[in-house]
């Protein structure tokens, strides 16, 4: 067993183990009554809402495939939309099984069926991820400002103080942003020639490359549609459960931020996503057990969409490409 394989297995065990540990800790903290309340909330989910949720989930992945195609055009790589979508979904499924392997998988799949070198596409993945980090940062700021009252109360409670105003809250936000930017600059300058420095430079170059695209406007539109779909998925999730149907758009934005962070921390977000969402909804007066119930329903549906579309992609990808190949051979013979 080589070092790379061993590292992959270790990552999988650590991320999955952390998720399982969080689930055990989370459930052990709930009383029998709370666990019963959580199950009742899950059972009360309006199953017919799965139809619009699945449609929006599909569209979010479809827009991501279209956005990736734009990044591939400058390298004269012009795959079919179907193959690009299939590759994206196979990448997502791979990420559920093996941490951080989805990006390589989707490049490999597309390279195989479009007959293009996989290594040429790696840079586009970096650009996509870098831009998504920026987008998540913007969403965090939006959530912060739209829900300033709630966030301010959380900060005041944490600091053991009462009252406070939005001005102090905004000063804390601006100060935190400036400190974060300064920290990144200092780390880059000090470790410019290390892997950390090269990683930071790669992210910066990736973001800047977006604005050099001939169709940068379309790229930004697809990005807006992707994150808008993610946001609307949370809203539809609220509407699907009686315990959360009264919550609004700005709350959904805060939950989107919490859920996005939860998806990163463990294998496929298992355990951490429901916990992060449940703790967030607790601030809005949703009982902890009910908030965790919503978190589990939301996580399960999102993973379910990935699994369904991923399996369909694995089945259709070779079939459609075989038909296209046979059709091309027939045309060439004529």
C-alpha atoms as a PDB file:
ATOM      1  CA  UNK A   1       0.000   0.000   0.000  1.00  0.00           C
ATOM      2  CA  UNK A   2       1.519   3.307  -1.077  1.00  0.00           C
ATOM      3  CA  UNK A   3       1.549   6.513   0.941  1.00  0.00           C
ATOM      4  CA  UNK A   4      -1.184   8.199  -1.125  1.00  0.00           C
ATOM      5  CA  UNK A   5      -3.623   5.298  -0.661  1.00  0.00           C
ATOM      6  CA  UNK A   6      -2.888   5.172   3.053  1.00  0.00           C
ATOM      7  CA  UNK A   7      -3.531   8.915   3.358  1.00  0.00           C
ATOM      8  CA  UNK A   8      -6.854   8.579   1.503  1.00  0.00           C
ATOM      9  CA  UNK A   9      -7.977   5.775   3.828  1.00  0.00           C
ATOM     10  CA  UNK A  10      -6.894   7.790   6.862  1.00  0.00           C
ATOM     11  CA  UNK A  11      -8.874  10.835   5.633  1.00  0.00           C
ATOM     12  CA  UNK A  12     -11.937   8.687   5.125  1.00  0.00           C
ATOM     13  CA  UNK A  13     -11.705   7.117   8.584  1.00  0.00           C
ATOM     14  CA  UNK A  14     -11.131  10.480  10.293  1.00  0.00           C
ATOM     15  CA  UNK A  15     -13.940  12.366   8.497  1.00  0.00           C
ATOM     16  CA  UNK A  16     -16.443   9.512   8.788  1.00  0.00           C
ATOM     17  CA  UNK A  17     -15.420   8.782  12.379  1.00  0.00           C
ATOM     18  CA  UNK A  18     -15.912  12.422  13.305  1.00  0.00           C
ATOM     19  CA  UNK A  19     -19.388  12.383  11.784  1.00  0.00           C
ATOM     20  CA  UNK A  20     -20.385   9.188  13.604  1.00  0.00           C
ATOM     21  CA  UNK A  21     -18.980  10.603  16.846  1.00  0.00           C
ATOM     22  CA  UNK A  22     -21.050  13.780  16.445  1.00  0.00           C
ATOM     23  CA  UNK A  23     -24.200  11.734  15.809  1.00  0.00           C
ATOM     24  CA  UNK A  24     -23.601   9.688  18.976  1.00  0.00           C
ATOM     25  CA  UNK A  25     -22.894  12.803  21.059  1.00  0.00           C
ATOM     26  CA  UNK A  26     -25.879  14.677  19.602  1.00  0.00           C
ATOM     27  CA  UNK A  27     -28.339  11.848  20.200  1.00  0.00           C
ATOM     28  CA  UNK A  28     -27.017  11.092  23.684  1.00  0.00           C
ATOM     29  CA  UNK A  29     -27.761  14.686  24.723  1.00  0.00           C
ATOM     30  CA  UNK A  30     -31.429  14.363  23.749  1.00  0.00           C
ATOM     31  CA  UNK A  31     -33.896  13.014  26.285  1.00  0.00           C
ATOM     32  CA  UNK A  32     -36.313  10.212  25.291  1.00  0.00           C
ATOM     33  CA  UNK A  33     -39.037  12.866  24.949  1.00  0.00           C
ATOM     34  CA  UNK A  34     -36.835  14.973  22.656  1.00  0.00           C
ATOM     35  CA  UNK A  35     -35.966  11.979  20.488  1.00  0.00           C
ATOM     36  CA  UNK A  36     -39.658  11.169  20.208  1.00  0.00           C
ATOM     37  CA  UNK A  37     -40.391  14.798  19.276  1.00  0.00           C
ATOM     38  CA  UNK A  38     -37.654  14.674  16.637  1.00  0.00           C
ATOM     39  CA  UNK A  39     -39.124  11.535  15.050  1.00  0.00           C
ATOM     40  CA  UNK A  40     -42.631  13.037  15.094  1.00  0.00           C
ATOM     41  CA  UNK A  41     -41.324  16.160  13.318  1.00  0.00           C
ATOM     42  CA  UNK A  42     -39.653  14.024  10.650  1.00  0.00           C
ATOM     43  CA  UNK A  43     -42.816  11.948  10.143  1.00  0.00           C
ATOM     44  CA  UNK A  44     -44.837  15.160   9.673  1.00  0.00           C
ATOM     45  CA  UNK A  45     -42.779  16.141   6.618  1.00  0.00           C
ATOM     46  CA  UNK A  46     -44.938  16.833   3.565  1.00  0.00           C
ATOM     47  CA  UNK A  47     -43.601  14.230   1.151  1.00  0.00           C
ATOM     48  CA  UNK A  48     -45.169  15.851  -1.922  1.00  0.00           C
ATOM     49  CA  UNK A  49     -42.716  18.723  -1.424  1.00  0.00           C
ATOM     50  CA  UNK A  50     -39.959  16.337  -2.508  1.00  0.00           C
ATOM     51  CA  UNK A  51     -41.018  16.937  -6.129  1.00  0.00           C
ATOM     52  CA  UNK A  52     -40.190  20.686  -6.298  1.00  0.00           C
ATOM     53  CA  UNK A  53     -37.164  20.129  -4.045  1.00  0.00           C
ATOM     54  CA  UNK A  54     -35.812  17.484  -6.435  1.00  0.00           C
ATOM     55  CA  UNK A  55     -36.393  19.779  -9.431  1.00  0.00           C
ATOM     56  CA  UNK A  56     -34.529  22.699  -7.821  1.00  0.00           C
ATOM     57  CA  UNK A  57     -31.764  20.358  -6.690  1.00  0.00           C
ATOM     58  CA  UNK A  58     -31.409  19.041 -10.236  1.00  0.00           C
ATOM     59  CA  UNK A  59     -31.266  22.586 -11.630  1.00  0.00           C
ATOM     60  CA  UNK A  60     -28.532  23.616  -9.183  1.00  0.00           C
ATOM     61  CA  UNK A  61     -26.324  20.799 -10.494  1.00  0.00           C
ATOM     62  CA  UNK A  62     -27.306  21.510 -14.116  1.00  0.00           C
ATOM     63  CA  UNK A  63     -26.270  25.169 -13.760  1.00  0.00           C
ATOM     64  CA  UNK A  64     -22.971  24.025 -12.247  1.00  0.00           C
ATOM     65  CA  UNK A  65     -22.331  21.843 -15.287  1.00  0.00           C
ATOM     66  CA  UNK A  66     -23.086  24.775 -17.625  1.00  0.00           C
ATOM     67  CA  UNK A  67     -20.754  27.005 -15.615  1.00  0.00           C
ATOM     68  CA  UNK A  68     -17.944  24.460 -15.827  1.00  0.00           C
ATOM     69  CA  UNK A  69     -18.360  24.311 -19.606  1.00  0.00           C
ATOM     70  CA  UNK A  70     -17.661  28.053 -19.769  1.00  0.00           C
ATOM     71  CA  UNK A  71     -14.374  27.558 -17.923  1.00  0.00           C
ATOM     72  CA  UNK A  72     -13.334  24.809 -20.332  1.00  0.00           C
ATOM     73  CA  UNK A  73     -13.937  26.861 -23.503  1.00  0.00           C
ATOM     74  CA  UNK A  74     -10.708  28.954 -23.320  1.00  0.00           C
ATOM     75  CA  UNK A  75      -8.739  25.659 -23.445  1.00  0.00           C
ATOM     76  CA  UNK A  76     -10.676  24.632 -26.560  1.00  0.00           C
ATOM     77  CA  UNK A  77     -12.421  21.856 -24.612  1.00  0.00           C
ATOM     78  CA  UNK A  78     -16.060  21.791 -25.650  1.00  0.00           C
ATOM     79  CA  UNK A  79     -17.793  18.773 -24.099  1.00  0.00           C
ATOM     80  CA  UNK A  80     -21.479  18.029 -24.499  1.00  0.00           C
ATOM     81  CA  UNK A  81     -23.712  19.380 -21.755  1.00  0.00           C
ATOM     82  CA  UNK A  82     -24.915  15.856 -20.945  1.00  0.00           C
ATOM     83  CA  UNK A  83     -21.382  14.496 -20.446  1.00  0.00           C
ATOM     84  CA  UNK A  84     -20.444  17.535 -18.357  1.00  0.00           C
ATOM     85  CA  UNK A  85     -23.508  17.081 -16.140  1.00  0.00           C
ATOM     86  CA  UNK A  86     -22.854  13.353 -15.746  1.00  0.00           C
ATOM     87  CA  UNK A  87     -19.237  14.064 -14.779  1.00  0.00           C
ATOM     88  CA  UNK A  88     -20.319  16.642 -12.191  1.00  0.00           C
ATOM     89  CA  UNK A  89     -22.760  14.217 -10.566  1.00  0.00           C
ATOM     90  CA  UNK A  90     -20.253  11.356 -10.555  1.00  0.00           C
ATOM     91  CA  UNK A  91     -17.833  13.751  -8.867  1.00  0.00           C
ATOM     92  CA  UNK A  92     -20.384  14.502  -6.150  1.00  0.00           C
ATOM     93  CA  UNK A  93     -21.054  10.796  -5.540  1.00  0.00           C
ATOM     94  CA  UNK A  94     -17.312  10.134  -5.349  1.00  0.00           C
ATOM     95  CA  UNK A  95     -16.964  12.888  -2.742  1.00  0.00           C
ATOM     96  CA  UNK A  96     -19.543  11.112  -0.579  1.00  0.00           C
ATOM     97  CA  UNK A  97     -17.423   7.969  -0.671  1.00  0.00           C
ATOM     98  CA  UNK A  98     -13.879   9.365  -0.691  1.00  0.00           C
ATOM     99  CA  UNK A  99     -13.018  12.766   0.816  1.00  0.00           C
ATOM    100  CA  UNK A 100     -11.914  15.420  -1.718  1.00  0.00           C
ATOM    101  CA  UNK A 101     -11.725  12.863  -4.566  1.00  0.00           C
ATOM    102  CA  UNK A 102     -14.714  14.146  -6.522  1.00  0.00           C
ATOM    103  CA  UNK A 103     -12.813  16.894  -8.339  1.00  0.00           C
ATOM    104  CA  UNK A 104     -10.317  14.405  -9.774  1.00  0.00           C
ATOM    105  CA  UNK A 105     -13.096  11.934 -10.592  1.00  0.00           C
ATOM    106  CA  UNK A 106     -15.170  14.368 -12.638  1.00  0.00           C
ATOM    107  CA  UNK A 107     -12.117  15.478 -14.630  1.00  0.00           C
ATOM    108  CA  UNK A 108     -11.157  11.851 -15.261  1.00  0.00           C
ATOM    109  CA  UNK A 109     -14.673  10.907 -16.382  1.00  0.00           C
ATOM    110  CA  UNK A 110     -15.013  13.859 -18.746  1.00  0.00           C
ATOM    111  CA  UNK A 111     -11.515  13.280 -20.127  1.00  0.00           C
ATOM    112  CA  UNK A 112     -12.325   9.658 -20.893  1.00  0.00           C
ATOM    113  CA  UNK A 113     -15.543  10.308 -22.806  1.00  0.00           C
ATOM    114  CA  UNK A 114     -14.528  13.550 -24.494  1.00  0.00           C
ATOM    115  CA  UNK A 115     -11.006  12.352 -25.358  1.00  0.00           C
ATOM    116  CA  UNK A 116      -9.239  15.329 -23.749  1.00  0.00           C
ATOM    117  CA  UNK A 117      -6.369  15.409 -21.205  1.00  0.00           C
ATOM    118  CA  UNK A 118      -7.608  15.433 -17.595  1.00  0.00           C
ATOM    119  CA  UNK A 119      -4.702  17.514 -16.301  1.00  0.00           C
ATOM    120  CA  UNK A 120      -5.757  20.466 -18.484  1.00  0.00           C
ATOM    121  CA  UNK A 121      -9.031  20.673 -16.564  1.00  0.00           C
ATOM    122  CA  UNK A 122      -7.622  20.696 -13.014  1.00  0.00           C
ATOM    123  CA  UNK A 123      -7.076  24.464 -13.137  1.00  0.00           C
ATOM    124  CA  UNK A 124     -10.773  25.022 -13.823  1.00  0.00           C
ATOM    125  CA  UNK A 125     -11.637  23.117 -10.649  1.00  0.00           C
ATOM    126  CA  UNK A 126      -9.381  25.416  -8.632  1.00  0.00           C
ATOM    127  CA  UNK A 127     -11.019  28.461 -10.228  1.00  0.00           C
ATOM    128  CA  UNK A 128     -14.504  27.133  -9.458  1.00  0.00           C
ATOM    129  CA  UNK A 129     -13.715  26.332  -5.832  1.00  0.00           C
ATOM    130  CA  UNK A 130     -11.974  29.672  -5.300  1.00  0.00           C
ATOM    131  CA  UNK A 131     -14.943  31.574  -6.648  1.00  0.00           C
ATOM    132  CA  UNK A 132     -17.366  29.538  -4.551  1.00  0.00           C
ATOM    133  CA  UNK A 133     -15.356  30.435  -1.439  1.00  0.00           C
ATOM    134  CA  UNK A 134     -15.804  34.106  -2.355  1.00  0.00           C
ATOM    135  CA  UNK A 135     -19.534  33.521  -2.921  1.00  0.00           C
ATOM    136  CA  UNK A 136     -19.891  31.850   0.470  1.00  0.00           C
ATOM    137  CA  UNK A 137     -18.140  34.833   2.037  1.00  0.00           C
ATOM    138  CA  UNK A 138     -20.619  37.196   0.370  1.00  0.00           C
ATOM    139  CA  UNK A 139     -23.533  35.079   1.600  1.00  0.00           C
ATOM    140  CA  UNK A 140     -22.122  35.164   5.132  1.00  0.00           C
ATOM    141  CA  UNK A 141     -22.062  38.970   4.943  1.00  0.00           C
ATOM    142  CA  UNK A 142     -25.623  39.075   3.602  1.00  0.00           C
ATOM    143  CA  UNK A 143     -26.846  36.799   6.380  1.00  0.00           C
ATOM    144  CA  UNK A 144     -24.959  38.872   8.941  1.00  0.00           C
ATOM    145  CA  UNK A 145     -26.576  42.131   7.861  1.00  0.00           C
ATOM    146  CA  UNK A 146     -30.090  40.764   7.207  1.00  0.00           C
ATOM    147  CA  UNK A 147     -30.204  39.012  10.567  1.00  0.00           C
ATOM    148  CA  UNK A 148     -28.223  41.585  12.551  1.00  0.00           C
ATOM    149  CA  UNK A 149     -30.696  41.526  15.458  1.00  0.00           C
ATOM    150  CA  UNK A 150     -30.367  37.784  15.999  1.00  0.00           C
ATOM    151  CA  UNK A 151     -26.608  37.726  15.426  1.00  0.00           C
ATOM    152  CA  UNK A 152     -26.213  40.677  17.774  1.00  0.00           C
ATOM    153  CA  UNK A 153     -28.172  38.861  20.476  1.00  0.00           C
ATOM    154  CA  UNK A 154     -25.976  35.775  20.020  1.00  0.00           C
ATOM    155  CA  UNK A 155     -22.826  37.877  20.396  1.00  0.00           C
ATOM    156  CA  UNK A 156     -24.206  39.710  23.430  1.00  0.00           C
ATOM    157  CA  UNK A 157     -25.192  36.423  25.072  1.00  0.00           C
ATOM    158  CA  UNK A 158     -21.772  34.966  24.351  1.00  0.00           C
ATOM    159  CA  UNK A 159     -20.066  38.029  25.821  1.00  0.00           C
ATOM    160  CA  UNK A 160     -22.403  38.113  28.792  1.00  0.00           C
ATOM    161  CA  UNK A 161     -23.601  41.624  28.005  1.00  0.00           C
ATOM    162  CA  UNK A 162     -27.030  43.068  27.323  1.00  0.00           C
ATOM    163  CA  UNK A 163     -28.262  45.606  24.833  1.00  0.00           C
ATOM    164  CA  UNK A 164     -25.791  46.589  22.168  1.00  0.00           C
ATOM    165  CA  UNK A 165     -26.482  48.139  18.816  1.00  0.00           C
ATOM    166  CA  UNK A 166     -25.959  47.463  15.144  1.00  0.00           C
ATOM    167  CA  UNK A 167     -23.047  49.865  14.952  1.00  0.00           C
ATOM    168  CA  UNK A 168     -20.989  47.761  17.361  1.00  0.00           C
ATOM    169  CA  UNK A 169     -21.991  44.650  15.454  1.00  0.00           C
ATOM    170  CA  UNK A 170     -20.895  46.094  12.128  1.00  0.00           C
ATOM    171  CA  UNK A 171     -17.614  47.265  13.647  1.00  0.00           C
ATOM    172  CA  UNK A 172     -16.959  43.725  14.851  1.00  0.00           C
ATOM    173  CA  UNK A 173     -17.718  42.398  11.354  1.00  0.00           C
ATOM    174  CA  UNK A 174     -15.501  44.928   9.586  1.00  0.00           C
ATOM    175  CA  UNK A 175     -12.721  44.383  12.105  1.00  0.00           C
ATOM    176  CA  UNK A 176     -12.941  40.617  11.669  1.00  0.00           C
ATOM    177  CA  UNK A 177     -12.805  40.943   7.882  1.00  0.00           C
ATOM    178  CA  UNK A 178      -9.766  43.209   8.001  1.00  0.00           C
ATOM    179  CA  UNK A 179      -7.977  40.880  10.422  1.00  0.00           C
ATOM    180  CA  UNK A 180      -8.777  37.917   8.188  1.00  0.00           C
ATOM    181  CA  UNK A 181      -7.443  39.645   5.063  1.00  0.00           C
ATOM    182  CA  UNK A 182      -4.324  40.782   6.937  1.00  0.00           C
ATOM    183  CA  UNK A 183      -3.725  37.242   8.201  1.00  0.00           C
ATOM    184  CA  UNK A 184      -3.965  35.784   4.680  1.00  0.00           C
ATOM    185  CA  UNK A 185      -1.547  38.420   3.309  1.00  0.00           C
ATOM    186  CA  UNK A 186       0.953  37.825   6.126  1.00  0.00           C
ATOM    187  CA  UNK A 187       0.801  34.037   5.732  1.00  0.00           C
ATOM    188  CA  UNK A 188       1.253  34.339   1.963  1.00  0.00           C
ATOM    189  CA  UNK A 189       4.260  36.640   2.224  1.00  0.00           C
ATOM    190  CA  UNK A 190       5.923  34.492   4.866  1.00  0.00           C
ATOM    191  CA  UNK A 191       5.244  31.155   3.192  1.00  0.00           C
ATOM    192  CA  UNK A 192       5.155  32.252  -0.452  1.00  0.00           C
ATOM    193  CA  UNK A 193       7.241  29.339  -1.743  1.00  0.00           C
ATOM    194  CA  UNK A 194       5.588  26.632   0.349  1.00  0.00           C
ATOM    195  CA  UNK A 195       2.465  24.590  -0.401  1.00  0.00           C
ATOM    196  CA  UNK A 196       0.413  26.978   1.730  1.00  0.00           C
ATOM    197  CA  UNK A 197       1.644  30.014  -0.215  1.00  0.00           C
ATOM    198  CA  UNK A 198       1.088  28.328  -3.566  1.00  0.00           C
ATOM    199  CA  UNK A 199      -2.418  27.318  -2.451  1.00  0.00           C
ATOM    200  CA  UNK A 200      -3.321  30.911  -1.548  1.00  0.00           C
ATOM    201  CA  UNK A 201      -1.886  32.172  -4.854  1.00  0.00           C
ATOM    202  CA  UNK A 202      -3.790  29.488  -6.739  1.00  0.00           C
ATOM    203  CA  UNK A 203      -7.063  30.581  -5.171  1.00  0.00           C
ATOM    204  CA  UNK A 204      -6.376  34.235  -5.983  1.00  0.00           C
ATOM    205  CA  UNK A 205      -5.415  33.411  -9.564  1.00  0.00           C
ATOM    206  CA  UNK A 206      -8.503  31.221  -9.882  1.00  0.00           C
ATOM    207  CA  UNK A 207     -10.833  34.032  -8.845  1.00  0.00           C
ATOM    208  CA  UNK A 208      -9.143  36.556 -11.154  1.00  0.00           C
ATOM    209  CA  UNK A 209      -9.273  34.168 -14.111  1.00  0.00           C
ATOM    210  CA  UNK A 210     -13.072  34.268 -13.970  1.00  0.00           C
ATOM    211  CA  UNK A 211     -13.121  37.923 -14.964  1.00  0.00           C
ATOM    212  CA  UNK A 212     -10.892  37.243 -17.981  1.00  0.00           C
ATOM    213  CA  UNK A 213     -13.474  34.950 -19.561  1.00  0.00           C
ATOM    214  CA  UNK A 214     -15.161  36.151 -22.744  1.00  0.00           C
ATOM    215  CA  UNK A 215     -18.464  35.101 -21.184  1.00  0.00           C
ATOM    216  CA  UNK A 216     -17.786  36.290 -17.645  1.00  0.00           C
ATOM    217  CA  UNK A 217     -21.337  37.678 -17.472  1.00  0.00           C
ATOM    218  CA  UNK A 218     -22.805  34.222 -18.124  1.00  0.00           C
ATOM    219  CA  UNK A 219     -20.434  32.749 -15.552  1.00  0.00           C
ATOM    220  CA  UNK A 220     -21.688  35.203 -12.926  1.00  0.00           C
ATOM    221  CA  UNK A 221     -25.308  34.483 -13.935  1.00  0.00           C
ATOM    222  CA  UNK A 222     -24.830  30.724 -13.544  1.00  0.00           C
ATOM    223  CA  UNK A 223     -23.155  31.337 -10.170  1.00  0.00           C
ATOM    224  CA  UNK A 224     -26.135  33.420  -9.056  1.00  0.00           C
ATOM    225  CA  UNK A 225     -28.515  30.676 -10.202  1.00  0.00           C
ATOM    226  CA  UNK A 226     -26.503  27.970  -8.398  1.00  0.00           C
ATOM    227  CA  UNK A 227     -26.454  29.742  -5.044  1.00  0.00           C
ATOM    228  CA  UNK A 228     -30.004  30.989  -5.536  1.00  0.00           C
ATOM    229  CA  UNK A 229     -31.100  27.371  -5.996  1.00  0.00           C
ATOM    230  CA  UNK A 230     -29.243  26.358  -2.827  1.00  0.00           C
ATOM    231  CA  UNK A 231     -31.028  29.152  -0.957  1.00  0.00           C
ATOM    232  CA  UNK A 232     -34.443  28.208  -2.357  1.00  0.00           C
ATOM    233  CA  UNK A 233     -33.855  24.561  -1.394  1.00  0.00           C
ATOM    234  CA  UNK A 234     -33.713  25.646   2.257  1.00  0.00           C
ATOM    235  CA  UNK A 235     -36.876  27.734   1.812  1.00  0.00           C
ATOM    236  CA  UNK A 236     -38.691  24.755   0.281  1.00  0.00           C
ATOM    237  CA  UNK A 237     -37.398  22.673   3.170  1.00  0.00           C
ATOM    238  CA  UNK A 238     -38.973  25.132   5.607  1.00  0.00           C
ATOM    239  CA  UNK A 239     -42.296  24.858   3.767  1.00  0.00           C
ATOM    240  CA  UNK A 240     -42.161  21.060   3.828  1.00  0.00           C
ATOM    241  CA  UNK A 241     -42.290  20.836   7.645  1.00  0.00           C
ATOM    242  CA  UNK A 242     -44.990  22.333   9.914  1.00  0.00           C
ATOM    243  CA  UNK A 243     -42.385  23.204  12.563  1.00  0.00           C
ATOM    244  CA  UNK A 244     -40.456  25.514  10.190  1.00  0.00           C
ATOM    245  CA  UNK A 245     -43.037  26.713   7.643  1.00  0.00           C
ATOM    246  CA  UNK A 246     -43.232  30.148   9.310  1.00  0.00           C
ATOM    247  CA  UNK A 247     -39.511  30.911   8.849  1.00  0.00           C
ATOM    248  CA  UNK A 248     -38.513  33.447   6.194  1.00  0.00           C
ATOM    249  CA  UNK A 249     -35.937  34.022   3.470  1.00  0.00           C
ATOM    250  CA  UNK A 250     -33.310  35.677   5.654  1.00  0.00           C
ATOM    251  CA  UNK A 251     -33.425  32.786   8.133  1.00  0.00           C
ATOM    252  CA  UNK A 252     -32.960  30.403   5.213  1.00  0.00           C
ATOM    253  CA  UNK A 253     -29.825  32.342   4.290  1.00  0.00           C
ATOM    254  CA  UNK A 254     -28.385  31.880   7.781  1.00  0.00           C
ATOM    255  CA  UNK A 255     -29.226  28.162   7.665  1.00  0.00           C
ATOM    256  CA  UNK A 256     -27.543  27.925   4.245  1.00  0.00           C
ATOM    257  CA  UNK A 257     -24.345  29.316   5.754  1.00  0.00           C
ATOM    258  CA  UNK A 258     -24.482  26.942   8.727  1.00  0.00           C
ATOM    259  CA  UNK A 259     -25.258  23.968   6.483  1.00  0.00           C
ATOM    260  CA  UNK A 260     -22.455  24.826   4.028  1.00  0.00           C
ATOM    261  CA  UNK A 261     -19.953  24.866   6.878  1.00  0.00           C
ATOM    262  CA  UNK A 262     -21.417  21.626   8.215  1.00  0.00           C
ATOM    263  CA  UNK A 263     -20.963  19.932   4.831  1.00  0.00           C
ATOM    264  CA  UNK A 264     -17.234  20.680   4.903  1.00  0.00           C
ATOM    265  CA  UNK A 265     -16.396  19.429   8.393  1.00  0.00           C
ATOM    266  CA  UNK A 266     -17.291  15.728   8.092  1.00  0.00           C
ATOM    267  CA  UNK A 267     -17.676  13.068   5.409  1.00  0.00           C
ATOM    268  CA  UNK A 268     -20.569  14.338   3.285  1.00  0.00           C
ATOM    269  CA  UNK A 269     -21.699  16.514   6.192  1.00  0.00           C
ATOM    270  CA  UNK A 270     -22.917  13.475   8.133  1.00  0.00           C
ATOM    271  CA  UNK A 271     -23.763  14.406  11.704  1.00  0.00           C
ATOM    272  CA  UNK A 272     -22.301  17.896  11.579  1.00  0.00           C
ATOM    273  CA  UNK A 273     -24.845  19.287   9.083  1.00  0.00           C
ATOM    274  CA  UNK A 274     -27.921  18.416  11.229  1.00  0.00           C
ATOM    275  CA  UNK A 275     -26.117  19.642  14.354  1.00  0.00           C
ATOM    276  CA  UNK A 276     -25.101  22.987  12.804  1.00  0.00           C
ATOM    277  CA  UNK A 277     -28.580  23.562  11.362  1.00  0.00           C
ATOM    278  CA  UNK A 278     -30.284  22.519  14.607  1.00  0.00           C
ATOM    279  CA  UNK A 279     -28.163  24.888  16.704  1.00  0.00           C
ATOM    280  CA  UNK A 280     -28.890  27.709  14.250  1.00  0.00           C
ATOM    281  CA  UNK A 281     -32.655  27.165  14.322  1.00  0.00           C
ATOM    282  CA  UNK A 282     -32.550  27.059  18.130  1.00  0.00           C
ATOM    283  CA  UNK A 283     -31.738  30.776  18.019  1.00  0.00           C
ATOM    284  CA  UNK A 284     -35.002  31.331  16.128  1.00  0.00           C
ATOM    285  CA  UNK A 285     -37.120  29.635  18.760  1.00  0.00           C
ATOM    286  CA  UNK A 286     -37.217  26.177  17.156  1.00  0.00           C
ATOM    287  CA  UNK A 287     -36.823  23.489  19.823  1.00  0.00           C
ATOM    288  CA  UNK A 288     -33.470  21.726  19.591  1.00  0.00           C
ATOM    289  CA  UNK A 289     -34.988  18.334  18.738  1.00  0.00           C
ATOM    290  CA  UNK A 290     -37.141  19.886  15.997  1.00  0.00           C
ATOM    291  CA  UNK A 291     -34.208  21.861  14.602  1.00  0.00           C
ATOM    292  CA  UNK A 292     -32.122  18.696  14.408  1.00  0.00           C
ATOM    293  CA  UNK A 293     -35.081  16.958  12.739  1.00  0.00           C
ATOM    294  CA  UNK A 294     -35.113  19.627  10.033  1.00  0.00           C
ATOM    295  CA  UNK A 295     -31.336  19.265   9.700  1.00  0.00           C
ATOM    296  CA  UNK A 296     -31.626  15.516   9.144  1.00  0.00           C
ATOM    297  CA  UNK A 297     -34.445  15.898   6.601  1.00  0.00           C
ATOM    298  CA  UNK A 298     -32.544  18.623   4.718  1.00  0.00           C
ATOM    299  CA  UNK A 299     -29.293  16.628   4.710  1.00  0.00           C
ATOM    300  CA  UNK A 300     -31.009  13.383   3.689  1.00  0.00           C
ATOM    301  CA  UNK A 301     -32.817  15.010   0.773  1.00  0.00           C
ATOM    302  CA  UNK A 302     -29.675  16.719  -0.527  1.00  0.00           C
ATOM    303  CA  UNK A 303     -27.624  13.525  -0.313  1.00  0.00           C
ATOM    304  CA  UNK A 304     -30.532  11.572  -1.805  1.00  0.00           C
ATOM    305  CA  UNK A 305     -30.657  13.894  -4.833  1.00  0.00           C
ATOM    306  CA  UNK A 306     -26.919  13.412  -5.364  1.00  0.00           C
ATOM    307  CA  UNK A 307     -27.196   9.626  -5.079  1.00  0.00           C
ATOM    308  CA  UNK A 308     -30.175   9.381  -7.465  1.00  0.00           C
ATOM    309  CA  UNK A 309     -28.680  11.697 -10.090  1.00  0.00           C
ATOM    310  CA  UNK A 310     -25.230  10.147  -9.606  1.00  0.00           C
ATOM    311  CA  UNK A 311     -26.488   6.598 -10.166  1.00  0.00           C
ATOM    312  CA  UNK A 312     -28.499   7.723 -13.198  1.00  0.00           C
ATOM    313  CA  UNK A 313     -25.367   9.417 -14.551  1.00  0.00           C
ATOM    314  CA  UNK A 314     -23.269   6.261 -14.075  1.00  0.00           C
ATOM    315  CA  UNK A 315     -25.870   4.280 -16.023  1.00  0.00           C
ATOM    316  CA  UNK A 316     -26.589   6.746 -18.837  1.00  0.00           C
ATOM    317  CA  UNK A 317     -23.027   8.006 -19.450  1.00  0.00           C
ATOM    318  CA  UNK A 318     -21.695   4.889 -21.230  1.00  0.00           C
ATOM    319  CA  UNK A 319     -25.038   4.173 -22.934  1.00  0.00           C
ATOM    320  CA  UNK A 320     -25.440   7.610 -24.531  1.00  0.00           C
ATOM    321  CA  UNK A 321     -21.797   7.807 -25.558  1.00  0.00           C
ATOM    322  CA  UNK A 322     -21.931   4.326 -27.082  1.00  0.00           C
ATOM    323  CA  UNK A 323     -24.932   5.373 -29.165  1.00  0.00           C
ATOM    324  CA  UNK A 324     -23.196   8.570 -30.273  1.00  0.00           C
ATOM    325  CA  UNK A 325     -20.062   6.595 -31.178  1.00  0.00           C
ATOM    326  CA  UNK A 326     -22.044   4.049 -33.195  1.00  0.00           C
ATOM    327  CA  UNK A 327     -23.927   6.840 -34.979  1.00  0.00           C
ATOM    328  CA  UNK A 328     -20.648   8.554 -35.848  1.00  0.00           C
ATOM    329  CA  UNK A 329     -19.159   5.297 -37.170  1.00  0.00           C
ATOM    330  CA  UNK A 330     -22.242   4.817 -39.371  1.00  0.00           C
ATOM    331  CA  UNK A 331     -21.919   8.344 -40.768  1.00  0.00           C
ATOM    332  CA  UNK A 332     -18.193   7.860 -41.479  1.00  0.00           C
ATOM    333  CA  UNK A 333     -18.853   4.628 -43.378  1.00  0.00           C
ATOM    334  CA  UNK A 334     -21.385   6.337 -45.585  1.00  0.00           C
END
